[in-house]
Amino acid sequence: MSRIFDYNSFSSGKVGSDGNKFTFGCDLSYIDIDIINRPEEYEELSDAKCFIEYSVDFYFKKYGIDSIDFQINNIELNFEVDDYPNDTKEFDMDFIPGKTVDFNQIMVEVGDNPIPTYPRSLTVDMNKSTELRNYRISVGFGE
């Protein structure tokens, strides 16, 4: 379930300083996360979870909502790799557009129906590399 960070402006219906943009956060579990083209070091993936901070910008017209735009602000990905016979190794990665990754590395995919407006899936294409700059990340919204 999503958590809203600026609940007061959201619940009162007041337009914030950034127009009709509201910031949310959502946890995704292992079944909603797909990590593909993993390098050898991450081959035996045993668990994954993430937290996605995102903004939703609503565009209104006279009769209702005209369109909805999504923007990813931050993705915190945590996963474990089974290193038998040793203990599992934990990895934490932060994908921050414009800081740790380029803006074009994170894509937003919106289904035919953008409601519900929380993320439904996360796909991380590692391109057989451990370098963040080689990753392609896709966040799916809607149905």
C-alpha atoms as a PDB file:
ATOM      1  CA  MET A   1       0.000   0.000   0.000  1.00  0.00           C
ATOM      2  CA  SER A   2       1.271   3.471  -0.815  1.00  0.00           C
ATOM      3  CA  ARG A   3       2.120   6.099   1.778  1.00  0.00           C
ATOM      4  CA  ILE A   4       1.630   9.746   0.956  1.00  0.00           C
ATOM      5  CA  PHE A   5       4.292  12.171   2.174  1.00  0.00           C
ATOM      6  CA  ASP A   6       2.353  15.441   1.859  1.00  0.00           C
ATOM      7  CA  TYR A   7      -0.949  14.204   3.277  1.00  0.00           C
ATOM      8  CA  ASN A   8      -2.203  17.605   4.507  1.00  0.00           C
ATOM      9  CA  SER A   9      -2.244  19.170   1.039  1.00  0.00           C
ATOM     10  CA  PHE A  10      -3.568  15.938  -0.486  1.00  0.00           C
ATOM     11  CA  SER A  11      -6.485  15.529   1.948  1.00  0.00           C
ATOM     12  CA  SER A  12      -7.526  19.190   1.905  1.00  0.00           C
ATOM     13  CA  GLY A  13      -7.450  19.302  -1.892  1.00  0.00           C
ATOM     14  CA  LYS A  14      -5.260  22.390  -1.811  1.00  0.00           C
ATOM     15  CA  VAL A  15      -2.808  22.850  -4.610  1.00  0.00           C
ATOM     16  CA  GLY A  16       0.728  22.634  -3.290  1.00  0.00           C
ATOM     17  CA  SER A  17       3.647  24.822  -4.259  1.00  0.00           C
ATOM     18  CA  ASP A  18       4.416  22.427  -7.108  1.00  0.00           C
ATOM     19  CA  GLY A  19       0.984  22.510  -8.715  1.00  0.00           C
ATOM     20  CA  ASN A  20      -1.040  19.322  -8.575  1.00  0.00           C
ATOM     21  CA  LYS A  21       1.946  17.117  -7.831  1.00  0.00           C
ATOM     22  CA  PHE A  22       1.869  14.782  -4.848  1.00  0.00           C
ATOM     23  CA  THR A  23       4.674  12.570  -3.533  1.00  0.00           C
ATOM     24  CA  PHE A  24       4.100   8.982  -2.439  1.00  0.00           C
ATOM     25  CA  GLY A  25       6.151   5.984  -1.319  1.00  0.00           C
ATOM     26  CA  CYS A  26       5.428   2.297  -1.876  1.00  0.00           C
ATOM     27  CA  ASP A  27       7.038  -1.005  -0.875  1.00  0.00           C
ATOM     28  CA  LEU A  28       7.271  -3.842  -3.378  1.00  0.00           C
ATOM     29  CA  SER A  29       8.020  -7.434  -2.458  1.00  0.00           C
ATOM     30  CA  TYR A  30       9.883 -10.253  -4.173  1.00  0.00           C
ATOM     31  CA  ILE A  31       7.007 -11.327  -6.427  1.00  0.00           C
ATOM     32  CA  ASP A  32       6.648  -7.815  -7.911  1.00  0.00           C
ATOM     33  CA  ILE A  33      10.376  -7.424  -8.658  1.00  0.00           C
ATOM     34  CA  ASP A  34      12.074  -8.927 -11.692  1.00  0.00           C
ATOM     35  CA  ILE A  35      15.875  -8.739 -11.851  1.00  0.00           C
ATOM     36  CA  ILE A  36      17.135  -9.958 -15.225  1.00  0.00           C
ATOM     37  CA  ASN A  37      20.514 -10.367 -16.952  1.00  0.00           C
ATOM     38  CA  ARG A  38      22.264 -10.713 -13.603  1.00  0.00           C
ATOM     39  CA  PRO A  39      26.044 -10.960 -13.409  1.00  0.00           C
ATOM     40  CA  GLU A  40      27.670 -14.056 -11.896  1.00  0.00           C
ATOM     41  CA  GLU A  41      27.941 -12.428  -8.459  1.00  0.00           C
ATOM     42  CA  TYR A  42      24.141 -12.092  -8.216  1.00  0.00           C
ATOM     43  CA  GLU A  43      23.163 -15.356  -9.924  1.00  0.00           C
ATOM     44  CA  GLU A  44      21.665 -17.142  -6.874  1.00  0.00           C
ATOM     45  CA  LEU A  45      19.175 -14.445  -5.862  1.00  0.00           C
ATOM     46  CA  SER A  46      17.147 -15.562  -2.866  1.00  0.00           C
ATOM     47  CA  ASP A  47      15.114 -12.509  -1.802  1.00  0.00           C
ATOM     48  CA  ALA A  48      14.421  -8.965  -2.983  1.00  0.00           C
ATOM     49  CA  LYS A  49      12.423  -5.975  -1.810  1.00  0.00           C
ATOM     50  CA  CYS A  50      12.332  -2.307  -2.702  1.00  0.00           C
ATOM     51  CA  PHE A  51      10.920   1.042  -1.733  1.00  0.00           C
ATOM     52  CA  ILE A  52       9.904   3.426  -4.509  1.00  0.00           C
ATOM     53  CA  GLU A  53       9.419   7.135  -3.883  1.00  0.00           C
ATOM     54  CA  TYR A  54       7.484   8.708  -6.726  1.00  0.00           C
ATOM     55  CA  SER A  55       5.442  11.763  -7.645  1.00  0.00           C
ATOM     56  CA  VAL A  56       2.093  11.879  -9.381  1.00  0.00           C
ATOM     57  CA  ASP A  57       1.170  15.027 -11.299  1.00  0.00           C
ATOM     58  CA  PHE A  58      -2.525  15.481 -12.089  1.00  0.00           C
ATOM     59  CA  TYR A  59      -3.690  17.671 -14.968  1.00  0.00           C
ATOM     60  CA  PHE A  60      -7.272  18.846 -14.606  1.00  0.00           C
ATOM     61  CA  LYS A  61      -9.763  20.187 -17.093  1.00  0.00           C
ATOM     62  CA  LYS A  62     -13.237  21.532 -16.533  1.00  0.00           C
ATOM     63  CA  TYR A  63     -14.874  18.101 -16.269  1.00  0.00           C
ATOM     64  CA  GLY A  64     -12.233  16.136 -14.375  1.00  0.00           C
ATOM     65  CA  ILE A  65      -8.751  14.703 -14.617  1.00  0.00           C
ATOM     66  CA  ASP A  66      -7.263  15.095 -18.095  1.00  0.00           C
ATOM     67  CA  SER A  67      -4.033  13.153 -17.587  1.00  0.00           C
ATOM     68  CA  ILE A  68      -1.686  11.769 -14.971  1.00  0.00           C
ATOM     69  CA  ASP A  69       2.123  11.867 -15.130  1.00  0.00           C
ATOM     70  CA  PHE A  70       4.436   9.762 -12.977  1.00  0.00           C
ATOM     71  CA  GLN A  71       7.994  10.613 -11.953  1.00  0.00           C
ATOM     72  CA  ILE A  72      10.377   8.361 -10.037  1.00  0.00           C
ATOM     73  CA  ASN A  73      12.283  10.226  -7.307  1.00  0.00           C
ATOM     74  CA  ASN A  74      14.171   7.353  -5.661  1.00  0.00           C
ATOM     75  CA  ILE A  75      14.315   3.554  -5.673  1.00  0.00           C
ATOM     76  CA  GLU A  76      15.926   1.639  -2.806  1.00  0.00           C
ATOM     77  CA  LEU A  77      16.528  -1.976  -3.841  1.00  0.00           C
ATOM     78  CA  ASN A  78      17.628  -4.598  -1.300  1.00  0.00           C
ATOM     79  CA  PHE A  79      18.314  -8.186  -2.239  1.00  0.00           C
ATOM     80  CA  GLU A  80      20.065 -11.274  -0.899  1.00  0.00           C
ATOM     81  CA  VAL A  81      22.280 -13.686  -2.780  1.00  0.00           C
ATOM     82  CA  ASP A  82      22.712 -17.269  -1.607  1.00  0.00           C
ATOM     83  CA  ASP A  83      26.437 -17.982  -1.230  1.00  0.00           C
ATOM     84  CA  TYR A  84      26.314 -21.604  -0.121  1.00  0.00           C
ATOM     85  CA  PRO A  85      28.071 -22.894   2.010  1.00  0.00           C
ATOM     86  CA  ASN A  86      28.680 -19.374   3.366  1.00  0.00           C
ATOM     87  CA  ASP A  87      26.016 -17.048   4.729  1.00  0.00           C
ATOM     88  CA  THR A  88      23.824 -15.095   2.368  1.00  0.00           C
ATOM     89  CA  LYS A  89      25.166 -11.771   1.128  1.00  0.00           C
ATOM     90  CA  GLU A  90      23.013  -8.667   1.301  1.00  0.00           C
ATOM     91  CA  PHE A  91      23.159  -5.896  -1.296  1.00  0.00           C
ATOM     92  CA  ASP A  92      21.616  -2.420  -1.112  1.00  0.00           C
ATOM     93  CA  MET A  93      21.313  -0.205  -4.177  1.00  0.00           C
ATOM     94  CA  ASP A  94      19.917   3.307  -4.428  1.00  0.00           C
ATOM     95  CA  PHE A  95      18.733   4.517  -7.817  1.00  0.00           C
ATOM     96  CA  ILE A  96      18.400   8.305  -7.654  1.00  0.00           C
ATOM     97  CA  PRO A  97      17.780   9.932 -11.052  1.00  0.00           C
ATOM     98  CA  GLY A  98      20.389  12.567 -11.780  1.00  0.00           C
ATOM     99  CA  LYS A  99      22.712  11.384  -8.977  1.00  0.00           C
ATOM    100  CA  THR A 100      23.444   7.650  -8.977  1.00  0.00           C
ATOM    101  CA  VAL A 101      21.820   6.904 -12.356  1.00  0.00           C
ATOM    102  CA  ASP A 102      20.959   8.967 -15.426  1.00  0.00           C
ATOM    103  CA  PHE A 103      17.397  10.139 -15.937  1.00  0.00           C
ATOM    104  CA  ASN A 104      17.067   8.012 -19.092  1.00  0.00           C
ATOM    105  CA  GLN A 105      17.947   4.786 -17.217  1.00  0.00           C
ATOM    106  CA  ILE A 106      14.638   4.777 -15.329  1.00  0.00           C
ATOM    107  CA  MET A 107      11.557   4.290 -17.473  1.00  0.00           C
ATOM    108  CA  VAL A 108       7.951   4.616 -16.372  1.00  0.00           C
ATOM    109  CA  GLU A 109       5.483   2.249 -18.023  1.00  0.00           C
ATOM    110  CA  VAL A 110       1.806   3.066 -17.598  1.00  0.00           C
ATOM    111  CA  GLY A 111      -0.849   0.516 -18.484  1.00  0.00           C
ATOM    112  CA  ASP A 112      -4.079   1.286 -20.332  1.00  0.00           C
ATOM    113  CA  ASN A 113      -5.674   2.329 -17.048  1.00  0.00           C
ATOM    114  CA  PRO A 114      -3.366   4.413 -14.775  1.00  0.00           C
ATOM    115  CA  ILE A 115      -5.629   3.831 -11.759  1.00  0.00           C
ATOM    116  CA  PRO A 116      -4.518   2.595  -9.197  1.00  0.00           C
ATOM    117  CA  THR A 117      -1.649   5.066  -9.158  1.00  0.00           C
ATOM    118  CA  TYR A 118       0.822   3.004  -7.157  1.00  0.00           C
ATOM    119  CA  PRO A 119       3.644   0.961  -8.719  1.00  0.00           C
ATOM    120  CA  ARG A 120       2.690  -2.592  -9.675  1.00  0.00           C
ATOM    121  CA  SER A 121       6.081  -3.906 -10.793  1.00  0.00           C
ATOM    122  CA  LEU A 122       9.792  -3.190 -10.964  1.00  0.00           C
ATOM    123  CA  THR A 123      12.128  -4.639 -13.594  1.00  0.00           C
ATOM    124  CA  VAL A 124      15.884  -4.180 -13.278  1.00  0.00           C
ATOM    125  CA  ASP A 125      17.968  -5.205 -16.293  1.00  0.00           C
ATOM    126  CA  MET A 126      21.541  -5.473 -14.973  1.00  0.00           C
ATOM    127  CA  ASN A 127      23.088  -6.136 -18.418  1.00  0.00           C
ATOM    128  CA  LYS A 128      25.474  -8.699 -16.839  1.00  0.00           C
ATOM    129  CA  SER A 129      27.206  -5.870 -14.927  1.00  0.00           C
ATOM    130  CA  THR A 130      27.598  -4.704 -11.335  1.00  0.00           C
ATOM    131  CA  GLU A 131      27.931  -1.039 -12.426  1.00  0.00           C
ATOM    132  CA  LEU A 132      24.780   1.045 -11.875  1.00  0.00           C
ATOM    133  CA  ARG A 133      25.431   3.064 -15.033  1.00  0.00           C
ATOM    134  CA  ASN A 134      24.753  -0.069 -17.146  1.00  0.00           C
ATOM    135  CA  TYR A 135      21.356  -0.842 -15.592  1.00  0.00           C
ATOM    136  CA  ARG A 136      17.971  -0.247 -17.190  1.00  0.00           C
ATOM    137  CA  ILE A 137      15.133   0.141 -14.700  1.00  0.00           C
ATOM    138  CA  SER A 138      11.432   0.006 -15.529  1.00  0.00           C
ATOM    139  CA  VAL A 139       8.590   0.797 -13.100  1.00  0.00           C
ATOM    140  CA  GLY A 140       5.082  -0.293 -14.063  1.00  0.00           C
ATOM    141  CA  PHE A 141       1.974   1.662 -13.009  1.00  0.00           C
ATOM    142  CA  GLY A 142      -1.701   0.953 -13.584  1.00  0.00           C
ATOM    143  CA  GLU A 143      -3.341  -1.970 -15.282  1.00  0.00           C
END
